[in-house]
Amino acid sequence: MIDSKKISKQQKLEYIKTTVYDFSISAYNIASNTNLTEAGIARILKGIAKNPHESSLNEIISYIHTYNGPEDVNEKHIVDILNPYYTPPISIETEIKNQKQKIIELKKKIEECEKYIKSLLTYQKNMIELELNIIEQNTIYKNVDPENLP
């Protein structure tokens, strides 16, 4: 079991997020067994709460310790958090950044499509004008009397 007094607030947040994610513990489950609200816990887990109260984090950790059972499970998770190869669940900020990038890429593709469509329309317009000119020229020649030609 980790000693929540010996780790930083950021490490507590990472420990909570990792353990809750790994063991599929819901905000509802934590709220049902603590004095915290489900909404407040969800904000912490999703990274929306930027600076949660340390007492809230300690209460969640206390619940996690009773939920997970053996000490070695909790010790394993704190080691995983400090492991440089560990990748925690994606934060809401990262997800927003990724979605914004996708939107920018889609806008570029839409602009390319619009340019292509405009070029097709211009081509069609030119072809129609050319056909009209040909028809007009044929009409002029059909109305000419060959005997009046030089």
Foldseek 3Di string as FASTA:
>chain_A
DDDLVPDDPVLLLQLLLQLCVVVVPALVNLVVVFVDDSVVSVCSNQVVPVDDDSVVSVSSVVVSPVVVPDPVVSVVSSVLSVDPPRDTPDHPVVVVVVVVVVVVVVVVVVVVVVVVVVVVVVVVVVVVVVVVVVVVVVVVVVPDDVVPDD
